[in-house]
Amino acid sequence: MYSRVTQLEIDTLRIGVDEAAAVFRAEVLPRLREMAGYEGVLVLTTPEGRGIIVSLWETRDALEAGSGFAAEQVARFMTLFAAPPGREHYQVALADLPGELVT
């Protein structure tokens, strides 16, 4: 399993953290779920607007195939960020997640 980790800061003067998460849930998540090799996502936030998005992918090829989509989404929602997000890719060495998380 592989992951894309995006570190971001939401511009909370433009949009609240909960509202930004709702936009992700409504507009990005359905498209992610349609992508080959998609295994899941974690969206982590602080009340101050800092956040981390960890998307999980079955293979490195699936991760790389989704890179264009990820860049497209960052560009699409750039006005919601205080600064451009940073991204890194990792191999998942261990995962112990419950079967169903909050969606």
C-alpha atoms as a PDB file:
ATOM      1  CA  MET A   1       0.000   0.000   0.000  1.00  0.00           C
ATOM      2  CA  TYR A   2       1.155   3.541  -0.787  1.00  0.00           C
ATOM      3  CA  SER A   3       0.089   6.968   0.431  1.00  0.00           C
ATOM      4  CA  ARG A   4       0.067  10.550  -0.691  1.00  0.00           C
ATOM      5  CA  VAL A   5       0.399  12.980   2.214  1.00  0.00           C
ATOM      6  CA  THR A   6      -0.727  16.556   1.640  1.00  0.00           C
ATOM      7  CA  GLN A   7       0.002  19.162   4.305  1.00  0.00           C
ATOM      8  CA  LEU A   8      -2.124  22.278   4.073  1.00  0.00           C
ATOM      9  CA  GLU A   9      -3.369  25.343   5.856  1.00  0.00           C
ATOM     10  CA  ILE A  10      -6.934  26.469   5.265  1.00  0.00           C
ATOM     11  CA  ASP A  11      -7.516  30.224   5.023  1.00  0.00           C
ATOM     12  CA  THR A  12     -10.055  30.353   7.868  1.00  0.00           C
ATOM     13  CA  LEU A  13     -10.955  33.965   7.023  1.00  0.00           C
ATOM     14  CA  ARG A  14     -12.447  32.649   3.744  1.00  0.00           C
ATOM     15  CA  ILE A  15     -13.852  29.288   4.836  1.00  0.00           C
ATOM     16  CA  GLY A  16     -14.266  27.431   8.109  1.00  0.00           C
ATOM     17  CA  VAL A  17     -12.533  24.116   8.761  1.00  0.00           C
ATOM     18  CA  ASP A  18     -15.812  22.183   8.911  1.00  0.00           C
ATOM     19  CA  GLU A  19     -17.024  23.800   5.706  1.00  0.00           C
ATOM     20  CA  ALA A  20     -13.729  22.965   3.941  1.00  0.00           C
ATOM     21  CA  ALA A  21     -14.071  19.329   5.064  1.00  0.00           C
ATOM     22  CA  ALA A  22     -17.646  19.311   3.737  1.00  0.00           C
ATOM     23  CA  VAL A  23     -16.428  20.609   0.359  1.00  0.00           C
ATOM     24  CA  PHE A  24     -13.826  17.804   0.259  1.00  0.00           C
ATOM     25  CA  ARG A  25     -16.484  15.220   1.197  1.00  0.00           C
ATOM     26  CA  ALA A  26     -18.961  16.464  -1.432  1.00  0.00           C
ATOM     27  CA  GLU A  27     -16.697  17.363  -4.339  1.00  0.00           C
ATOM     28  CA  VAL A  28     -13.452  15.383  -4.072  1.00  0.00           C
ATOM     29  CA  LEU A  29     -14.293  12.154  -2.225  1.00  0.00           C
ATOM     30  CA  PRO A  30     -16.815  10.806  -4.763  1.00  0.00           C
ATOM     31  CA  ARG A  31     -14.239  11.159  -7.554  1.00  0.00           C
ATOM     32  CA  LEU A  32     -11.512   9.562  -5.442  1.00  0.00           C
ATOM     33  CA  ARG A  33     -13.742   6.555  -4.801  1.00  0.00           C
ATOM     34  CA  GLU A  34     -14.032   5.996  -8.567  1.00  0.00           C
ATOM     35  CA  MET A  35     -10.264   5.845  -9.118  1.00  0.00           C
ATOM     36  CA  ALA A  36      -8.582   2.486  -9.710  1.00  0.00           C
ATOM     37  CA  GLY A  37      -6.471   1.393  -6.745  1.00  0.00           C
ATOM     38  CA  TYR A  38      -7.975   3.883  -4.289  1.00  0.00           C
ATOM     39  CA  GLU A  39      -7.981   2.377  -0.777  1.00  0.00           C
ATOM     40  CA  GLY A  40      -9.185   5.236   1.433  1.00  0.00           C
ATOM     41  CA  VAL A  41      -8.402   8.651   2.859  1.00  0.00           C
ATOM     42  CA  LEU A  42      -7.860  10.335   6.220  1.00  0.00           C
ATOM     43  CA  VAL A  43      -8.511  14.066   6.562  1.00  0.00           C
ATOM     44  CA  LEU A  44      -6.961  15.510   9.721  1.00  0.00           C
ATOM     45  CA  THR A  45      -7.584  19.104  10.832  1.00  0.00           C
ATOM     46  CA  THR A  46      -6.972  21.520  13.664  1.00  0.00           C
ATOM     47  CA  PRO A  47      -9.352  24.336  14.684  1.00  0.00           C
ATOM     48  CA  GLU A  48      -6.702  26.813  13.478  1.00  0.00           C
ATOM     49  CA  GLY A  49      -6.940  25.476   9.902  1.00  0.00           C
ATOM     50  CA  ARG A  50      -3.874  23.246   9.627  1.00  0.00           C
ATOM     51  CA  GLY A  51      -4.578  19.945   7.970  1.00  0.00           C
ATOM     52  CA  ILE A  52      -3.166  16.738   6.583  1.00  0.00           C
ATOM     53  CA  ILE A  53      -4.804  14.580   3.925  1.00  0.00           C
ATOM     54  CA  VAL A  54      -3.512  11.011   3.681  1.00  0.00           C
ATOM     55  CA  SER A  55      -4.834   9.126   0.671  1.00  0.00           C
ATOM     56  CA  LEU A  56      -4.153   5.400   0.461  1.00  0.00           C
ATOM     57  CA  TRP A  57      -3.466   3.502  -2.772  1.00  0.00           C
ATOM     58  CA  GLU A  58      -3.155  -0.192  -3.567  1.00  0.00           C
ATOM     59  CA  THR A  59       0.004   0.154  -5.703  1.00  0.00           C
ATOM     60  CA  ARG A  60       2.639   2.719  -6.600  1.00  0.00           C
ATOM     61  CA  ASP A  61       1.183   2.795 -10.131  1.00  0.00           C
ATOM     62  CA  ALA A  62      -2.267   3.688  -8.747  1.00  0.00           C
ATOM     63  CA  LEU A  63      -0.699   6.386  -6.561  1.00  0.00           C
ATOM     64  CA  GLU A  64       1.141   7.862  -9.528  1.00  0.00           C
ATOM     65  CA  ALA A  65      -1.941   7.639 -11.759  1.00  0.00           C
ATOM     66  CA  GLY A  66      -3.807   9.728  -9.185  1.00  0.00           C
ATOM     67  CA  SER A  67      -1.113  12.432  -9.026  1.00  0.00           C
ATOM     68  CA  GLY A  68      -2.661  14.447 -11.843  1.00  0.00           C
ATOM     69  CA  PHE A  69      -6.032  14.365 -10.105  1.00  0.00           C
ATOM     70  CA  ALA A  70      -4.431  15.512  -6.841  1.00  0.00           C
ATOM     71  CA  ALA A  71      -2.689  18.431  -8.561  1.00  0.00           C
ATOM     72  CA  GLU A  72      -5.952  19.347 -10.305  1.00  0.00           C
ATOM     73  CA  GLN A  73      -7.821  19.461  -6.994  1.00  0.00           C
ATOM     74  CA  VAL A  74      -5.157  21.604  -5.308  1.00  0.00           C
ATOM     75  CA  ALA A  75      -5.347  24.076  -8.209  1.00  0.00           C
ATOM     76  CA  ARG A  76      -9.158  23.997  -8.164  1.00  0.00           C
ATOM     77  CA  PHE A  77      -9.363  24.907  -4.467  1.00  0.00           C
ATOM     78  CA  MET A  78      -6.214  27.078  -4.182  1.00  0.00           C
ATOM     79  CA  THR A  79      -8.251  30.062  -2.968  1.00  0.00           C
ATOM     80  CA  LEU A  80      -9.194  28.102   0.170  1.00  0.00           C
ATOM     81  CA  PHE A  81      -5.543  27.715   1.267  1.00  0.00           C
ATOM     82  CA  ALA A  82      -3.397  30.202   3.164  1.00  0.00           C
ATOM     83  CA  ALA A  83      -0.331  28.902   1.251  1.00  0.00           C
ATOM     84  CA  PRO A  84       0.286  26.256  -1.415  1.00  0.00           C
ATOM     85  CA  PRO A  85      -0.010  22.745   0.071  1.00  0.00           C
ATOM     86  CA  GLY A  86       2.996  20.427   0.191  1.00  0.00           C
ATOM     87  CA  ARG A  87       2.861  16.786  -0.943  1.00  0.00           C
ATOM     88  CA  GLU A  88       4.962  13.704  -0.383  1.00  0.00           C
ATOM     89  CA  HIS A  89       4.550  10.014  -1.217  1.00  0.00           C
ATOM     90  CA  TYR A  90       5.229   7.169   1.206  1.00  0.00           C
ATOM     91  CA  GLN A  91       5.058   3.406   1.259  1.00  0.00           C
ATOM     92  CA  VAL A  92       2.734   2.331   4.070  1.00  0.00           C
ATOM     93  CA  ALA A  93       4.830   0.170   6.401  1.00  0.00           C
ATOM     94  CA  LEU A  94       1.969  -0.531   8.827  1.00  0.00           C
ATOM     95  CA  ALA A  95      -1.759   0.206   8.882  1.00  0.00           C
ATOM     96  CA  ASP A  96      -4.155  -0.662  11.688  1.00  0.00           C
ATOM     97  CA  LEU A  97      -7.399   1.150  10.936  1.00  0.00           C
ATOM     98  CA  PRO A  98     -10.936   0.347  12.015  1.00  0.00           C
ATOM     99  CA  GLY A  99     -13.200  -1.042   9.298  1.00  0.00           C
ATOM    100  CA  GLU A 100     -15.414   2.040   9.199  1.00  0.00           C
ATOM    101  CA  LEU A 101     -14.328   5.596   9.991  1.00  0.00           C
ATOM    102  CA  VAL A 102     -16.411   8.766  10.013  1.00  0.00           C
ATOM    103  CA  THR A 103     -17.347   9.763   6.460  1.00  0.00           C
END
